[in-house]
Amino acid sequence: MVIAIIAVLIALLLPAVQQAREAARRTQCKNQLKQLGLALHNYHDTTVNSMPPGYINNIAVPGTYLFWGWNVMLLPQMDQAPLYSSLSSGTLNFNNGLGYLTGAAAPASTIQSNLSALRCPSDPGQPATTISAIQGTPVSGGTAQFGRTSYLAVVGATAIASTPIDTTTYGGVFGANSRRGLRDMTDGSSNSILVGERFTPTTPGLGDGIWAGVTHNGTNTGQANALGDTSVRINNGMTAGVRPQTTGFGSLHVGGCHFLMGDGAVRFISENVDLLTYQRLSTVADGNVIGEF
């Protein structure tokens, strides 16, 4: 009888404990996005009044595959100056870019570094993911490990396609060689989403986020390594915590996911938000009126 009572009490207590843990993880995730917002605004105010490029697309020198992403540019603002220095001046540097990996392995503690501040605590994925090619060319040794991120920069409402992302076409702040800042958010910085959550896919592939940048400028899979779009609803196609292949956004927080706004605020946007409103939030200068969200 006593054992039965204890079992009932445990059954009642476990859901409450799990809910408390998820509430703590959700708060931590929100705080991490807030810190990303501070880093973005610091970068904006100390450079040329623009956000970092979504990724560096070295069109001037084909074959060099720079591809460094927006997160790399923020490393000094995120207490990761040593890592930034190792990338900017080491063998795997800003001159030869990620194409370096097609001829040699990445130096230790560089692109495979696990940056906990860039991973949602509710994301069950491993700290790193395996990449086998850069721009279609196999990497040295067959595979390379890239540190994961749960936070992807928003390109706009158009689904990421097989050509380098142009901000004029997509309508967001981030893209290939983008240089958009607060001055470009004419719809209002508080009505513009900059960064959103996307948790690790159930099977490796489309939508696997890495903080180092993109692995191909001519595929949606390669560009979705660092970028995301609002072409589909939040948590679109997700069932029982299983996330499909997607370039969109989603989280394991119940009911929606967090987004960093242009003014630095972090908003939890419901997965049931009106799709048109959601898409207008990602296009920062289209002049459309934003509804409730």
C-alpha atoms as a PDB file:
ATOM      1  CA  MET A   1       0.000   0.000   0.000  1.00  0.00           C
ATOM      2  CA  VAL A   2       2.813   2.385   0.935  1.00  0.00           C
ATOM      3  CA  ILE A   3       4.668   1.536  -2.257  1.00  0.00           C
ATOM      4  CA  ALA A   4       1.551   2.247  -4.297  1.00  0.00           C
ATOM      5  CA  ILE A   5       1.133   5.649  -2.648  1.00  0.00           C
ATOM      6  CA  ILE A   6       4.790   6.498  -3.303  1.00  0.00           C
ATOM      7  CA  ALA A   7       4.393   5.467  -6.944  1.00  0.00           C
ATOM      8  CA  VAL A   8       1.357   7.739  -7.316  1.00  0.00           C
ATOM      9  CA  LEU A   9       3.211  10.646  -5.718  1.00  0.00           C
ATOM     10  CA  ILE A  10       6.192  10.169  -8.032  1.00  0.00           C
ATOM     11  CA  ALA A  11       3.856  10.006 -11.030  1.00  0.00           C
ATOM     12  CA  LEU A  12       2.337  13.317  -9.949  1.00  0.00           C
ATOM     13  CA  LEU A  13       5.687  14.933  -9.210  1.00  0.00           C
ATOM     14  CA  LEU A  14       7.623  14.012 -12.362  1.00  0.00           C
ATOM     15  CA  PRO A  15       5.602  16.161 -14.789  1.00  0.00           C
ATOM     16  CA  ALA A  16       6.006  19.167 -12.488  1.00  0.00           C
ATOM     17  CA  VAL A  17       9.755  18.599 -12.309  1.00  0.00           C
ATOM     18  CA  GLN A  18       9.977  18.270 -16.076  1.00  0.00           C
ATOM     19  CA  GLN A  19       7.966  21.448 -16.569  1.00  0.00           C
ATOM     20  CA  ALA A  20      10.232  23.329 -14.165  1.00  0.00           C
ATOM     21  CA  ARG A  21      13.320  22.113 -16.018  1.00  0.00           C
ATOM     22  CA  GLU A  22      11.889  23.136 -19.379  1.00  0.00           C
ATOM     23  CA  ALA A  23      10.951  26.546 -17.998  1.00  0.00           C
ATOM     24  CA  ALA A  24      14.557  26.999 -16.887  1.00  0.00           C
ATOM     25  CA  ARG A  25      15.866  25.874 -20.282  1.00  0.00           C
ATOM     26  CA  ARG A  26      13.477  28.229 -22.050  1.00  0.00           C
ATOM     27  CA  THR A  27      14.690  31.137 -19.910  1.00  0.00           C
ATOM     28  CA  GLN A  28      18.324  30.240 -20.629  1.00  0.00           C
ATOM     29  CA  CYS A  29      17.615  30.070 -24.359  1.00  0.00           C
ATOM     30  CA  LYS A  30      15.976  33.494 -24.245  1.00  0.00           C
ATOM     31  CA  ASN A  31      18.970  34.934 -22.394  1.00  0.00           C
ATOM     32  CA  GLN A  32      21.371  33.478 -24.947  1.00  0.00           C
ATOM     33  CA  LEU A  33      19.498  35.118 -27.785  1.00  0.00           C
ATOM     34  CA  LYS A  34      19.556  38.361 -25.797  1.00  0.00           C
ATOM     35  CA  GLN A  35      23.352  38.114 -25.595  1.00  0.00           C
ATOM     36  CA  LEU A  36      23.468  37.485 -29.346  1.00  0.00           C
ATOM     37  CA  GLY A  37      21.454  40.665 -29.786  1.00  0.00           C
ATOM     38  CA  LEU A  38      23.938  42.649 -27.711  1.00  0.00           C
ATOM     39  CA  ALA A  39      26.808  41.202 -29.752  1.00  0.00           C
ATOM     40  CA  LEU A  40      25.080  42.123 -33.018  1.00  0.00           C
ATOM     41  CA  HIS A  41      24.434  45.691 -31.890  1.00  0.00           C
ATOM     42  CA  ASN A  42      28.020  46.061 -30.634  1.00  0.00           C
ATOM     43  CA  TYR A  43      29.265  44.850 -34.010  1.00  0.00           C
ATOM     44  CA  HIS A  44      26.862  47.217 -35.762  1.00  0.00           C
ATOM     45  CA  ASP A  45      27.986  50.255 -33.767  1.00  0.00           C
ATOM     46  CA  THR A  46      31.729  49.557 -33.971  1.00  0.00           C
ATOM     47  CA  THR A  47      31.986  48.737 -37.698  1.00  0.00           C
ATOM     48  CA  VAL A  48      30.205  50.443 -40.589  1.00  0.00           C
ATOM     49  CA  ASN A  49      26.717  50.612 -39.073  1.00  0.00           C
ATOM     50  CA  SER A  50      25.683  47.267 -40.475  1.00  0.00           C
ATOM     51  CA  MET A  51      25.114  43.761 -39.202  1.00  0.00           C
ATOM     52  CA  PRO A  52      27.698  41.149 -40.183  1.00  0.00           C
ATOM     53  CA  PRO A  53      27.188  39.412 -43.517  1.00  0.00           C
ATOM     54  CA  GLY A  54      25.090  36.256 -43.391  1.00  0.00           C
ATOM     55  CA  TYR A  55      28.153  34.664 -44.930  1.00  0.00           C
ATOM     56  CA  ILE A  56      31.134  35.790 -46.986  1.00  0.00           C
ATOM     57  CA  ASN A  57      30.647  34.737 -50.594  1.00  0.00           C
ATOM     58  CA  ASN A  58      33.960  35.222 -52.335  1.00  0.00           C
ATOM     59  CA  ILE A  59      32.701  35.832 -55.846  1.00  0.00           C
ATOM     60  CA  ALA A  60      35.881  37.705 -56.797  1.00  0.00           C
ATOM     61  CA  VAL A  61      38.113  34.638 -56.464  1.00  0.00           C
ATOM     62  CA  PRO A  62      36.145  31.516 -57.430  1.00  0.00           C
ATOM     63  CA  GLY A  63      37.323  28.319 -55.790  1.00  0.00           C
ATOM     64  CA  THR A  64      38.493  29.860 -52.526  1.00  0.00           C
ATOM     65  CA  TYR A  65      35.171  29.174 -50.771  1.00  0.00           C
ATOM     66  CA  LEU A  66      35.421  31.647 -47.921  1.00  0.00           C
ATOM     67  CA  PHE A  67      31.921  31.027 -46.551  1.00  0.00           C
ATOM     68  CA  TRP A  68      32.617  32.285 -43.018  1.00  0.00           C
ATOM     69  CA  GLY A  69      29.284  33.061 -41.354  1.00  0.00           C
ATOM     70  CA  TRP A  70      27.822  35.852 -39.253  1.00  0.00           C
ATOM     71  CA  ASN A  71      28.501  34.053 -35.968  1.00  0.00           C
ATOM     72  CA  VAL A  72      32.235  34.072 -36.658  1.00  0.00           C
ATOM     73  CA  MET A  73      32.222  37.860 -36.966  1.00  0.00           C
ATOM     74  CA  LEU A  74      30.629  38.117 -33.517  1.00  0.00           C
ATOM     75  CA  LEU A  75      33.191  35.961 -31.677  1.00  0.00           C
ATOM     76  CA  PRO A  76      35.101  38.952 -30.210  1.00  0.00           C
ATOM     77  CA  GLN A  77      31.824  40.319 -28.807  1.00  0.00           C
ATOM     78  CA  MET A  78      31.008  36.929 -27.261  1.00  0.00           C
ATOM     79  CA  ASP A  79      34.155  36.507 -25.143  1.00  0.00           C
ATOM     80  CA  GLN A  80      35.649  34.260 -27.826  1.00  0.00           C
ATOM     81  CA  ALA A  81      38.523  36.508 -28.908  1.00  0.00           C
ATOM     82  CA  PRO A  82      41.133  33.671 -28.778  1.00  0.00           C
ATOM     83  CA  LEU A  83      39.005  31.530 -31.097  1.00  0.00           C
ATOM     84  CA  TYR A  84      38.500  34.494 -33.440  1.00  0.00           C
ATOM     85  CA  SER A  85      42.261  35.116 -33.482  1.00  0.00           C
ATOM     86  CA  SER A  86      43.000  31.490 -34.305  1.00  0.00           C
ATOM     87  CA  LEU A  87      40.596  31.699 -37.257  1.00  0.00           C
ATOM     88  CA  SER A  88      41.735  35.086 -38.521  1.00  0.00           C
ATOM     89  CA  SER A  89      45.482  34.442 -38.381  1.00  0.00           C
ATOM     90  CA  GLY A  90      45.952  30.659 -38.355  1.00  0.00           C
ATOM     91  CA  THR A  91      46.227  28.244 -41.261  1.00  0.00           C
ATOM     92  CA  LEU A  92      42.440  27.982 -41.488  1.00  0.00           C
ATOM     93  CA  ASN A  93      41.972  31.730 -41.901  1.00  0.00           C
ATOM     94  CA  PHE A  94      39.849  34.415 -43.504  1.00  0.00           C
ATOM     95  CA  ASN A  95      41.964  34.375 -46.675  1.00  0.00           C
ATOM     96  CA  ASN A  96      41.579  30.718 -47.628  1.00  0.00           C
ATOM     97  CA  GLY A  97      38.245  30.164 -45.878  1.00  0.00           C
ATOM     98  CA  LEU A  98      36.467  26.873 -45.412  1.00  0.00           C
ATOM     99  CA  GLY A  99      37.869  25.687 -48.744  1.00  0.00           C
ATOM    100  CA  TYR A 100      41.037  24.983 -46.720  1.00  0.00           C
ATOM    101  CA  LEU A 101      39.339  21.818 -45.498  1.00  0.00           C
ATOM    102  CA  THR A 102      39.376  20.310 -48.990  1.00  0.00           C
ATOM    103  CA  GLY A 103      43.162  20.097 -48.757  1.00  0.00           C
ATOM    104  CA  ALA A 104      43.907  19.735 -45.049  1.00  0.00           C
ATOM    105  CA  ALA A 105      42.173  18.946 -41.778  1.00  0.00           C
ATOM    106  CA  ALA A 106      40.984  21.743 -39.500  1.00  0.00           C
ATOM    107  CA  PRO A 107      43.382  22.670 -36.686  1.00  0.00           C
ATOM    108  CA  ALA A 108      42.287  21.538 -33.250  1.00  0.00           C
ATOM    109  CA  SER A 109      39.794  23.688 -31.331  1.00  0.00           C
ATOM    110  CA  THR A 110      38.686  25.806 -34.281  1.00  0.00           C
ATOM    111  CA  ILE A 111      35.531  25.108 -36.294  1.00  0.00           C
ATOM    112  CA  GLN A 112      34.623  22.085 -34.184  1.00  0.00           C
ATOM    113  CA  SER A 113      34.550  24.084 -30.948  1.00  0.00           C
ATOM    114  CA  ASN A 114      31.413  23.584 -28.887  1.00  0.00           C
ATOM    115  CA  LEU A 115      30.052  27.044 -28.070  1.00  0.00           C
ATOM    116  CA  SER A 116      27.352  26.423 -25.474  1.00  0.00           C
ATOM    117  CA  ALA A 117      26.094  30.015 -25.797  1.00  0.00           C
ATOM    118  CA  LEU A 118      24.977  29.158 -29.341  1.00  0.00           C
ATOM    119  CA  ARG A 119      23.031  26.024 -28.474  1.00  0.00           C
ATOM    120  CA  CYS A 120      19.530  25.957 -27.022  1.00  0.00           C
ATOM    121  CA  PRO A 121      19.572  23.796 -23.862  1.00  0.00           C
ATOM    122  CA  SER A 122      16.391  22.074 -25.095  1.00  0.00           C
ATOM    123  CA  ASP A 123      18.109  21.012 -28.327  1.00  0.00           C
ATOM    124  CA  PRO A 124      18.975  17.284 -28.007  1.00  0.00           C
ATOM    125  CA  GLY A 125      21.546  17.285 -30.816  1.00  0.00           C
ATOM    126  CA  GLN A 126      25.215  16.442 -30.367  1.00  0.00           C
ATOM    127  CA  PRO A 127      27.709  19.328 -29.931  1.00  0.00           C
ATOM    128  CA  ALA A 128      29.124  18.809 -33.439  1.00  0.00           C
ATOM    129  CA  THR A 129      27.924  17.586 -36.805  1.00  0.00           C
ATOM    130  CA  THR A 130      29.816  15.844 -39.593  1.00  0.00           C
ATOM    131  CA  ILE A 131      30.365  17.582 -42.930  1.00  0.00           C
ATOM    132  CA  SER A 132      31.794  15.637 -45.860  1.00  0.00           C
ATOM    133  CA  ALA A 133      32.201  18.333 -48.533  1.00  0.00           C
ATOM    134  CA  ILE A 134      32.716  22.059 -49.080  1.00  0.00           C
ATOM    135  CA  GLN A 135      31.169  23.410 -52.284  1.00  0.00           C
ATOM    136  CA  GLY A 136      30.802  19.807 -53.470  1.00  0.00           C
ATOM    137  CA  THR A 137      34.500  19.009 -52.992  1.00  0.00           C
ATOM    138  CA  PRO A 138      35.230  16.245 -50.434  1.00  0.00           C
ATOM    139  CA  VAL A 139      37.050  17.441 -47.336  1.00  0.00           C
ATOM    140  CA  SER A 140      40.462  16.096 -46.378  1.00  0.00           C
ATOM    141  CA  GLY A 141      40.152  12.793 -44.551  1.00  0.00           C
ATOM    142  CA  GLY A 142      36.569  12.290 -45.719  1.00  0.00           C
ATOM    143  CA  THR A 143      34.757  14.215 -42.982  1.00  0.00           C
ATOM    144  CA  ALA A 144      35.159  17.316 -40.807  1.00  0.00           C
ATOM    145  CA  GLN A 145      33.493  18.129 -37.494  1.00  0.00           C
ATOM    146  CA  PHE A 146      31.650  21.452 -37.173  1.00  0.00           C
ATOM    147  CA  GLY A 147      30.331  22.876 -33.909  1.00  0.00           C
ATOM    148  CA  ARG A 148      26.561  23.192 -33.979  1.00  0.00           C
ATOM    149  CA  THR A 149      24.347  26.213 -33.403  1.00  0.00           C
ATOM    150  CA  SER A 150      20.628  26.415 -32.662  1.00  0.00           C
ATOM    151  CA  TYR A 151      20.369  30.044 -33.789  1.00  0.00           C
ATOM    152  CA  LEU A 152      20.074  30.922 -37.480  1.00  0.00           C
ATOM    153  CA  ALA A 153      20.002  34.340 -39.137  1.00  0.00           C
ATOM    154  CA  VAL A 154      16.792  35.297 -40.943  1.00  0.00           C
ATOM    155  CA  VAL A 155      17.000  35.893 -44.707  1.00  0.00           C
ATOM    156  CA  GLY A 156      13.341  36.717 -45.378  1.00  0.00           C
ATOM    157  CA  ALA A 157      10.117  35.031 -46.444  1.00  0.00           C
ATOM    158  CA  THR A 158      11.392  33.236 -49.557  1.00  0.00           C
ATOM    159  CA  ALA A 159      12.545  29.638 -49.160  1.00  0.00           C
ATOM    160  CA  ILE A 160      16.318  29.312 -49.357  1.00  0.00           C
ATOM    161  CA  ALA A 161      17.139  28.085 -52.854  1.00  0.00           C
ATOM    162  CA  SER A 162      20.146  27.037 -54.922  1.00  0.00           C
ATOM    163  CA  THR A 163      21.674  30.460 -55.606  1.00  0.00           C
ATOM    164  CA  PRO A 164      23.508  32.818 -53.216  1.00  0.00           C
ATOM    165  CA  ILE A 165      21.002  34.731 -51.091  1.00  0.00           C
ATOM    166  CA  ASP A 166      20.470  38.325 -52.160  1.00  0.00           C
ATOM    167  CA  THR A 167      18.853  40.525 -49.488  1.00  0.00           C
ATOM    168  CA  THR A 168      17.050  42.620 -52.093  1.00  0.00           C
ATOM    169  CA  THR A 169      15.227  39.521 -53.333  1.00  0.00           C
ATOM    170  CA  TYR A 170      14.688  37.812 -49.998  1.00  0.00           C
ATOM    171  CA  GLY A 171      13.908  40.957 -48.013  1.00  0.00           C
ATOM    172  CA  GLY A 172      15.685  40.142 -44.753  1.00  0.00           C
ATOM    173  CA  VAL A 173      18.785  41.519 -43.053  1.00  0.00           C
ATOM    174  CA  PHE A 174      21.149  38.617 -43.776  1.00  0.00           C
ATOM    175  CA  GLY A 175      22.414  37.030 -46.963  1.00  0.00           C
ATOM    176  CA  ALA A 176      25.529  36.483 -49.058  1.00  0.00           C
ATOM    177  CA  ASN A 177      27.891  39.459 -48.509  1.00  0.00           C
ATOM    178  CA  SER A 178      24.999  41.371 -46.909  1.00  0.00           C
ATOM    179  CA  ARG A 179      25.610  44.767 -45.301  1.00  0.00           C
ATOM    180  CA  ARG A 180      22.236  45.737 -43.879  1.00  0.00           C
ATOM    181  CA  GLY A 181      21.816  47.609 -40.603  1.00  0.00           C
ATOM    182  CA  LEU A 182      19.290  49.443 -38.492  1.00  0.00           C
ATOM    183  CA  ARG A 183      18.914  52.101 -41.175  1.00  0.00           C
ATOM    184  CA  ASP A 184      17.558  49.433 -43.523  1.00  0.00           C
ATOM    185  CA  MET A 185      14.835  48.270 -41.126  1.00  0.00           C
ATOM    186  CA  THR A 186      12.352  50.869 -42.319  1.00  0.00           C
ATOM    187  CA  ASP A 187       9.426  48.786 -41.083  1.00  0.00           C
ATOM    188  CA  GLY A 188      10.799  49.350 -37.579  1.00  0.00           C
ATOM    189  CA  SER A 189      13.485  47.426 -35.725  1.00  0.00           C
ATOM    190  CA  SER A 190      10.904  46.168 -33.215  1.00  0.00           C
ATOM    191  CA  ASN A 191       8.969  44.664 -36.148  1.00  0.00           C
ATOM    192  CA  SER A 192      11.982  42.910 -37.690  1.00  0.00           C
ATOM    193  CA  ILE A 193      13.211  39.441 -36.763  1.00  0.00           C
ATOM    194  CA  LEU A 194      16.954  38.881 -37.076  1.00  0.00           C
ATOM    195  CA  VAL A 195      17.689  35.473 -35.568  1.00  0.00           C
ATOM    196  CA  GLY A 196      15.510  32.477 -34.745  1.00  0.00           C
ATOM    197  CA  GLU A 197      15.712  28.991 -33.302  1.00  0.00           C
ATOM    198  CA  ARG A 198      15.994  25.741 -35.222  1.00  0.00           C
ATOM    199  CA  PHE A 199      16.809  22.564 -33.361  1.00  0.00           C
ATOM    200  CA  THR A 200      18.900  19.707 -34.705  1.00  0.00           C
ATOM    201  CA  PRO A 201      17.175  17.544 -37.336  1.00  0.00           C
ATOM    202  CA  THR A 202      16.292  13.980 -36.414  1.00  0.00           C
ATOM    203  CA  THR A 203      18.436  12.752 -39.288  1.00  0.00           C
ATOM    204  CA  PRO A 204      21.457  14.744 -40.577  1.00  0.00           C
ATOM    205  CA  GLY A 205      20.771  16.921 -43.578  1.00  0.00           C
ATOM    206  CA  LEU A 206      18.783  20.011 -44.465  1.00  0.00           C
ATOM    207  CA  GLY A 207      18.712  22.535 -41.640  1.00  0.00           C
ATOM    208  CA  ASP A 208      21.645  21.310 -39.578  1.00  0.00           C
ATOM    209  CA  GLY A 209      23.017  24.542 -38.076  1.00  0.00           C
ATOM    210  CA  ILE A 210      26.756  25.230 -37.730  1.00  0.00           C
ATOM    211  CA  TRP A 211      28.228  28.455 -36.346  1.00  0.00           C
ATOM    212  CA  ALA A 212      31.243  28.600 -38.697  1.00  0.00           C
ATOM    213  CA  GLY A 213      29.248  29.474 -41.805  1.00  0.00           C
ATOM    214  CA  VAL A 214      27.868  27.734 -44.881  1.00  0.00           C
ATOM    215  CA  THR A 215      29.234  24.736 -46.749  1.00  0.00           C
ATOM    216  CA  HIS A 216      27.841  25.475 -50.224  1.00  0.00           C
ATOM    217  CA  ASN A 217      26.548  28.706 -51.802  1.00  0.00           C
ATOM    218  CA  GLY A 218      24.574  26.840 -54.445  1.00  0.00           C
ATOM    219  CA  THR A 219      22.347  24.541 -52.380  1.00  0.00           C
ATOM    220  CA  ASN A 220      19.632  25.126 -49.812  1.00  0.00           C
ATOM    221  CA  THR A 221      21.297  22.559 -47.535  1.00  0.00           C
ATOM    222  CA  GLY A 222      24.627  24.406 -47.598  1.00  0.00           C
ATOM    223  CA  GLN A 223      23.171  27.872 -47.005  1.00  0.00           C
ATOM    224  CA  ALA A 224      20.768  26.615 -44.324  1.00  0.00           C
ATOM    225  CA  ASN A 225      23.814  25.763 -42.189  1.00  0.00           C
ATOM    226  CA  ALA A 226      23.809  29.383 -41.027  1.00  0.00           C
ATOM    227  CA  LEU A 227      20.563  30.896 -42.345  1.00  0.00           C
ATOM    228  CA  GLY A 228      16.819  30.356 -42.183  1.00  0.00           C
ATOM    229  CA  ASP A 229      13.599  31.636 -43.754  1.00  0.00           C
ATOM    230  CA  THR A 230       9.923  32.122 -42.873  1.00  0.00           C
ATOM    231  CA  SER A 231       8.498  30.433 -45.961  1.00  0.00           C
ATOM    232  CA  VAL A 232       6.692  27.892 -43.768  1.00  0.00           C
ATOM    233  CA  ARG A 233       5.117  28.020 -40.329  1.00  0.00           C
ATOM    234  CA  ILE A 234       7.103  27.662 -37.110  1.00  0.00           C
ATOM    235  CA  ASN A 235       7.479  23.951 -36.247  1.00  0.00           C
ATOM    236  CA  ASN A 236       6.076  23.082 -39.676  1.00  0.00           C
ATOM    237  CA  GLY A 237       5.698  19.312 -40.059  1.00  0.00           C
ATOM    238  CA  MET A 238       7.019  18.525 -36.577  1.00  0.00           C
ATOM    239  CA  THR A 239       5.433  15.495 -34.912  1.00  0.00           C
ATOM    240  CA  ALA A 240       6.158  14.246 -31.383  1.00  0.00           C
ATOM    241  CA  GLY A 241       9.384  16.232 -31.233  1.00  0.00           C
ATOM    242  CA  VAL A 242      10.613  14.827 -34.563  1.00  0.00           C
ATOM    243  CA  ARG A 243      11.821  17.651 -36.788  1.00  0.00           C
ATOM    244  CA  PRO A 244      11.673  17.254 -40.555  1.00  0.00           C
ATOM    245  CA  GLN A 245      14.259  18.556 -43.003  1.00  0.00           C
ATOM    246  CA  THR A 246      13.647  22.304 -43.217  1.00  0.00           C
ATOM    247  CA  THR A 247      15.149  25.739 -43.805  1.00  0.00           C
ATOM    248  CA  GLY A 248      12.527  27.225 -41.487  1.00  0.00           C
ATOM    249  CA  PHE A 249      12.450  27.693 -37.725  1.00  0.00           C
ATOM    250  CA  GLY A 250      11.247  25.633 -34.795  1.00  0.00           C
ATOM    251  CA  SER A 251      12.065  24.556 -31.256  1.00  0.00           C
ATOM    252  CA  LEU A 252      11.244  22.006 -28.603  1.00  0.00           C
ATOM    253  CA  HIS A 253       9.786  24.740 -26.401  1.00  0.00           C
ATOM    254  CA  VAL A 254       6.071  24.010 -26.391  1.00  0.00           C
ATOM    255  CA  GLY A 255       4.020  26.129 -28.780  1.00  0.00           C
ATOM    256  CA  GLY A 256       6.595  28.087 -30.783  1.00  0.00           C
ATOM    257  CA  CYS A 257      10.144  29.417 -30.594  1.00  0.00           C
ATOM    258  CA  HIS A 258      12.214  32.453 -29.692  1.00  0.00           C
ATOM    259  CA  PHE A 259      13.252  35.178 -32.122  1.00  0.00           C
ATOM    260  CA  LEU A 260      15.674  38.044 -31.691  1.00  0.00           C
ATOM    261  CA  MET A 261      14.159  41.327 -32.865  1.00  0.00           C
ATOM    262  CA  GLY A 262      16.030  44.170 -34.523  1.00  0.00           C
ATOM    263  CA  ASP A 263      15.810  46.341 -31.404  1.00  0.00           C
ATOM    264  CA  GLY A 264      17.517  43.659 -29.296  1.00  0.00           C
ATOM    265  CA  ALA A 265      14.341  42.321 -27.646  1.00  0.00           C
ATOM    266  CA  VAL A 266      13.627  38.585 -27.640  1.00  0.00           C
ATOM    267  CA  ARG A 267      10.073  37.491 -28.436  1.00  0.00           C
ATOM    268  CA  PHE A 268       8.510  34.041 -28.166  1.00  0.00           C
ATOM    269  CA  ILE A 269       6.368  33.727 -31.284  1.00  0.00           C
ATOM    270  CA  SER A 270       3.579  31.166 -31.363  1.00  0.00           C
ATOM    271  CA  GLU A 271       3.562  28.436 -33.972  1.00  0.00           C
ATOM    272  CA  ASN A 272      -0.043  29.491 -34.623  1.00  0.00           C
ATOM    273  CA  VAL A 273       0.870  33.052 -35.589  1.00  0.00           C
ATOM    274  CA  ASP A 274      -0.711  34.224 -38.837  1.00  0.00           C
ATOM    275  CA  LEU A 275       1.662  33.125 -41.596  1.00  0.00           C
ATOM    276  CA  LEU A 276       1.496  36.438 -43.467  1.00  0.00           C
ATOM    277  CA  THR A 277       2.279  38.369 -40.276  1.00  0.00           C
ATOM    278  CA  TYR A 278       5.191  36.014 -39.560  1.00  0.00           C
ATOM    279  CA  GLN A 279       6.576  36.512 -43.068  1.00  0.00           C
ATOM    280  CA  ARG A 280       6.224  40.292 -42.887  1.00  0.00           C
ATOM    281  CA  LEU A 281       8.320  40.259 -39.710  1.00  0.00           C
ATOM    282  CA  SER A 282      11.183  38.777 -41.727  1.00  0.00           C
ATOM    283  CA  THR A 283      11.004  41.297 -44.583  1.00  0.00           C
ATOM    284  CA  VAL A 284      12.291  44.441 -42.961  1.00  0.00           C
ATOM    285  CA  ALA A 285      11.574  47.138 -45.556  1.00  0.00           C
ATOM    286  CA  ASP A 286       8.484  46.167 -47.535  1.00  0.00           C
ATOM    287  CA  GLY A 287       6.238  48.844 -46.001  1.00  0.00           C
ATOM    288  CA  ASN A 288       3.546  46.381 -44.949  1.00  0.00           C
ATOM    289  CA  VAL A 289       1.676  46.860 -41.694  1.00  0.00           C
ATOM    290  CA  ILE A 290       2.521  44.214 -39.094  1.00  0.00           C
ATOM    291  CA  GLY A 291      -0.408  42.644 -37.260  1.00  0.00           C
ATOM    292  CA  GLU A 292      -0.480  41.268 -33.730  1.00  0.00           C
ATOM    293  CA  PHE A 293       2.019  38.562 -32.939  1.00  0.00           C
END
